[in-house]
């Protein structure tokens, strides 16, 4: 996709989703980190219900480590993969205290050293918690960006690289939220609403579908002659 076209897509998204923000509820960078770890293969709505309880008991690395793993597992059970997530949360909390003086690290390199913090989680915490420039590619971002043509890859990492190349750096973090909102509301995994989409004229998938329809109509016309 041409840069000029990509810029126009981001501009249109920004006009519609100007108030786009994280759906996770948190009161500190540490709470954000824990919420994002819990959100892996889980809805933000479910995570918010769990953290509403969890953060009243433990919302700092120090207080989190006072919980035993089985206690934490019971609290976060409904988020799925609760055993791994509990172990990661406790391990990350320990490292934050021992390696980073009790503070969540404010750079991508150090964030990725924490247990349970992969590239996507680190990018979210860095961009949302520290106002850094990063694009976190979740399922919505991956699907929408490849569907409309901002990226063209079957790999999450390659999609992230392509988005970083075609979107201005200062817009990376905002673009991440725009694409998520668009994926949730319009460009859904199933039953996507192309007829309601304001990106119809710019979307490469839509153009492909239109071209297929035109070719199909041409074939029909030719057989009727």
Protein backbone atom coordinates (compact mmCIF):
# COMPACT_ATOMS: atom_id res chain seq x y z
CA UNK A 1 0.00 0.00 0.00
CA UNK A 2 1.18 3.51 -0.78
CA UNK A 3 2.12 5.71 2.19
CA UNK A 4 -0.34 8.40 1.13
CA UNK A 5 -3.21 5.91 1.18
CA UNK A 6 -2.14 4.56 4.57
CA UNK A 7 -2.02 8.09 5.98
CA UNK A 8 -5.57 8.68 4.76
CA UNK A 9 -6.78 5.47 6.40
CA UNK A 10 -5.25 6.43 9.75
CA UNK A 11 -6.71 9.92 9.44
CA UNK A 12 -10.20 8.55 8.80
CA UNK A 13 -9.87 6.11 11.70
CA UNK A 14 -8.74 8.94 13.99
CA UNK A 15 -11.79 11.01 13.08
CA UNK A 16 -14.22 8.22 13.97
CA UNK A 17 -12.37 6.74 16.97
CA UNK A 18 -10.88 9.97 18.29
CA UNK A 19 -11.58 8.92 21.87
CA UNK A 20 -10.15 5.40 21.50
CA UNK A 21 -8.52 4.19 24.70
CA UNK A 22 -7.70 0.93 26.46
CA UNK A 23 -10.73 -1.03 27.66
CA UNK A 24 -8.77 -2.43 30.59
CA UNK A 25 -9.31 -0.66 33.91
CA UNK A 26 -6.17 0.13 35.90
CA UNK A 27 -4.86 2.71 38.35
CA UNK A 28 -1.11 2.31 37.95
CA UNK A 29 1.43 0.95 35.50
CA UNK A 30 1.78 -2.16 37.64
CA UNK A 31 -1.97 -2.76 37.53
CA UNK A 32 -1.85 -2.25 33.76
CA UNK A 33 0.91 -4.84 33.46
CA UNK A 34 -1.05 -7.42 35.46
CA UNK A 35 -4.25 -6.71 33.53
CA UNK A 36 -2.49 -7.15 30.18
CA UNK A 37 -0.93 -10.44 31.30
CA UNK A 38 -4.39 -11.66 32.30
CA UNK A 39 -5.91 -10.49 29.00
CA UNK A 40 -4.05 -13.09 26.93
CA UNK A 41 -6.79 -15.12 25.19
CA UNK A 42 -9.36 -13.50 27.46
CA UNK A 43 -11.78 -10.61 26.99
CA UNK A 44 -11.08 -7.23 28.57
CA UNK A 45 -14.55 -7.36 30.12
CA UNK A 46 -13.70 -10.56 31.97
CA UNK A 47 -10.29 -9.23 33.05
CA UNK A 48 -11.89 -6.09 34.49
CA UNK A 49 -14.24 -8.20 36.59
CA UNK A 50 -11.32 -10.23 37.93
CA UNK A 51 -8.97 -7.30 38.59
CA UNK A 52 -11.74 -5.46 40.44
CA UNK A 53 -11.39 -8.18 43.07
CA UNK A 54 -7.67 -8.86 42.68
CA UNK A 55 -6.52 -5.25 43.00
CA UNK A 56 -8.38 -4.79 46.29
CA UNK A 57 -6.17 -7.57 47.67
CA UNK A 58 -2.94 -6.90 45.80
CA UNK A 59 -2.10 -4.00 43.51
CA UNK A 60 1.66 -3.68 44.07
CA UNK A 61 4.49 -6.17 43.52
CA UNK A 62 5.00 -6.38 47.28
CA UNK A 63 1.36 -7.14 48.11
CA UNK A 64 1.05 -9.54 45.16
CA UNK A 65 3.90 -11.67 46.52
CA UNK A 66 2.01 -12.08 49.79
CA UNK A 67 -0.48 -14.24 47.89
CA UNK A 68 0.29 -17.91 47.46
CA UNK A 69 0.09 -19.24 43.93
CA UNK A 70 -2.99 -21.35 44.63
CA UNK A 71 -4.72 -18.31 46.16
CA UNK A 72 -3.94 -16.23 43.08
CA UNK A 73 -5.07 -19.06 40.79
CA UNK A 74 -8.49 -19.13 42.44
CA UNK A 75 -8.93 -15.38 41.95
CA UNK A 76 -7.91 -15.33 38.27
CA UNK A 77 -9.38 -18.74 37.36
CA UNK A 78 -12.02 -17.35 34.98
CA UNK A 79 -9.38 -15.62 32.85
CA UNK A 80 -8.15 -18.98 31.58
CA UNK A 81 -4.62 -20.45 31.67
CA UNK A 82 -4.74 -19.46 35.34
CA UNK A 83 -1.83 -21.63 36.48
CA UNK A 84 0.62 -20.15 33.98
CA UNK A 85 -0.70 -16.63 34.46
CA UNK A 86 -0.44 -16.87 38.24
CA UNK A 87 3.14 -18.15 38.00
CA UNK A 88 4.07 -15.38 35.56
CA UNK A 89 2.48 -12.66 37.69
CA UNK A 90 4.34 -13.79 40.82
CA UNK A 91 7.65 -14.20 38.97
CA UNK A 92 7.33 -10.81 37.25
CA UNK A 93 6.45 -9.16 40.57
CA UNK A 94 9.54 -10.69 42.18
CA UNK A 95 11.78 -9.45 39.36
CA UNK A 96 10.27 -5.97 39.54
CA UNK A 97 11.24 -5.79 43.21
CA UNK A 98 14.66 -7.44 42.96
CA UNK A 99 15.86 -6.12 39.61
CA UNK A 100 14.00 -2.84 39.12
CA UNK A 101 13.67 -1.37 42.63
CA UNK A 102 9.96 -2.10 42.81
CA UNK A 103 9.12 -0.14 39.66
CA UNK A 104 7.81 -1.52 36.39
CA UNK A 105 10.64 -0.93 33.88
CA UNK A 106 9.94 1.91 31.46
CA UNK A 107 11.61 0.49 28.35
CA UNK A 108 10.81 -2.37 25.98
CA UNK A 109 14.04 -4.27 26.52
CA UNK A 110 13.61 -4.59 30.28
CA UNK A 111 9.87 -5.15 30.08
CA UNK A 112 10.44 -8.21 27.90
CA UNK A 113 12.66 -9.78 30.56
CA UNK A 114 9.65 -10.19 32.85
CA UNK A 115 7.87 -13.54 32.98
CA UNK A 116 4.67 -13.58 30.94
CA UNK A 117 5.60 -10.40 29.09
CA UNK A 118 5.95 -11.04 25.39
CA UNK A 119 6.32 -8.53 22.62
CA UNK A 120 2.63 -7.57 22.51
CA UNK A 121 2.31 -7.15 26.29
CA UNK A 122 5.50 -5.09 26.46
CA UNK A 123 4.31 -2.85 23.63
CA UNK A 124 0.97 -2.23 25.35
CA UNK A 125 2.55 -1.38 28.71
CA UNK A 126 5.20 0.81 27.08
CA UNK A 127 2.74 2.75 24.91
CA UNK A 128 -0.14 3.06 27.39
CA UNK A 129 1.77 3.16 30.67
CA UNK A 130 4.74 5.26 29.59
CA UNK A 131 3.38 7.08 26.51
CA UNK A 132 6.00 5.37 24.36
CA UNK A 133 5.79 4.80 20.63
CA UNK A 134 4.83 1.18 19.96
CA UNK A 135 2.28 -0.90 18.05
CA UNK A 136 0.88 -3.93 19.83
CA UNK A 137 -0.47 -6.43 17.33
CA UNK A 138 -3.35 -8.36 18.90
CA UNK A 139 -5.95 -10.39 17.00
CA UNK A 140 -7.93 -7.29 16.01
CA UNK A 141 -4.92 -5.32 14.83
CA UNK A 142 -3.57 -8.31 12.91
CA UNK A 143 -6.88 -9.05 11.20
CA UNK A 144 -7.87 -5.48 10.34
CA UNK A 145 -4.47 -4.26 9.15
CA UNK A 146 -4.03 -7.24 6.84
CA UNK A 147 -7.61 -7.12 5.65
CA UNK A 148 -7.64 -3.45 4.67
CA UNK A 149 -4.10 -3.56 3.28
CA UNK A 150 -1.99 -1.65 5.79
CA UNK A 151 -0.01 -4.88 6.09
CA UNK A 152 0.32 -8.02 4.03
CA UNK A 153 1.62 -10.83 6.19
CA UNK A 154 0.62 -14.06 7.89
CA UNK A 155 3.03 -13.32 10.74
CA UNK A 156 2.29 -11.12 13.77
CA UNK A 157 5.90 -9.94 13.96
CA UNK A 158 6.07 -9.11 10.27
CA UNK A 159 2.73 -7.33 10.50
CA UNK A 160 4.10 -5.18 13.32
CA UNK A 161 7.19 -4.33 11.26
CA UNK A 162 5.10 -3.39 8.22
CA UNK A 163 2.80 -1.19 10.31
CA UNK A 164 5.81 0.54 11.84
CA UNK A 165 7.13 1.25 8.35
CA UNK A 166 3.93 2.65 6.86
CA UNK A 167 2.50 4.54 9.88
CA UNK A 168 4.22 7.64 11.27
CA UNK A 169 6.00 6.79 14.53
CA UNK A 170 4.17 9.45 16.54
CA UNK A 171 0.88 7.77 15.56
CA UNK A 172 1.81 4.17 16.38
CA UNK A 173 0.15 3.97 19.79
CA UNK A 174 -3.04 5.72 18.70
CA UNK A 175 -3.25 3.64 15.51
CA UNK A 176 -3.15 0.51 17.66
CA UNK A 177 -6.33 1.58 19.46
CA UNK A 178 -8.03 2.78 16.25
CA UNK A 179 -7.53 -0.63 14.65
CA UNK A 180 -8.80 -2.44 17.75
CA UNK A 181 -11.99 -0.36 17.83
CA UNK A 182 -12.53 -0.85 14.11
CA UNK A 183 -12.05 -4.60 14.53
CA UNK A 184 -14.54 -4.79 17.37
CA UNK A 185 -17.23 -2.61 15.82
CA UNK A 186 -16.99 -2.98 12.03
CA UNK A 187 -14.25 -5.21 10.67
CA UNK A 188 -15.13 -8.23 12.79
CA UNK A 189 -13.67 -11.69 12.43
CA UNK A 190 -17.04 -12.94 11.24
CA UNK A 191 -20.06 -11.08 9.90
CA UNK A 192 -17.90 -8.05 9.15
CA UNK A 193 -19.92 -5.02 8.06
CA UNK A 194 -18.33 -3.87 4.81
CA UNK A 195 -21.53 -2.10 3.76
CA UNK A 196 -21.28 0.12 6.85
CA UNK A 197 -17.52 0.68 6.69
CA UNK A 198 -16.25 4.21 6.10
CA UNK A 199 -13.03 2.76 4.66
CA UNK A 200 -14.77 1.05 1.74
CA UNK A 201 -13.05 3.12 -0.93
CA UNK A 202 -9.63 2.54 0.61
CA UNK A 203 -9.93 -1.07 1.73
CA UNK A 204 -8.02 -3.49 -0.46
CA UNK A 205 -10.18 -6.46 0.54
CA UNK A 206 -13.30 -4.55 -0.40
CA UNK A 207 -11.74 -3.58 -3.71
CA UNK A 208 -10.82 -7.21 -4.34
CA UNK A 209 -14.40 -8.26 -3.63
CA UNK A 210 -15.71 -5.56 -5.96
CA UNK A 211 -13.35 -6.69 -8.71
CA UNK A 212 -14.48 -10.30 -8.27
CA UNK A 213 -18.09 -9.18 -8.49
CA UNK A 214 -17.39 -7.17 -11.65
CA UNK A 215 -15.64 -10.13 -13.28
CA UNK A 216 -18.51 -12.41 -12.30
CA UNK A 217 -21.00 -9.98 -13.85
CA UNK A 218 -18.91 -9.74 -17.01
CA UNK A 219 -18.92 -13.54 -17.35
CA UNK A 220 -22.68 -13.65 -16.83
CA UNK A 221 -23.22 -10.99 -19.47
CA UNK A 222 -20.99 -12.77 -21.96
CA UNK A 223 -22.86 -16.08 -21.54
CA UNK A 224 -26.18 -14.30 -22.07
CA UNK A 225 -25.15 -12.78 -25.39
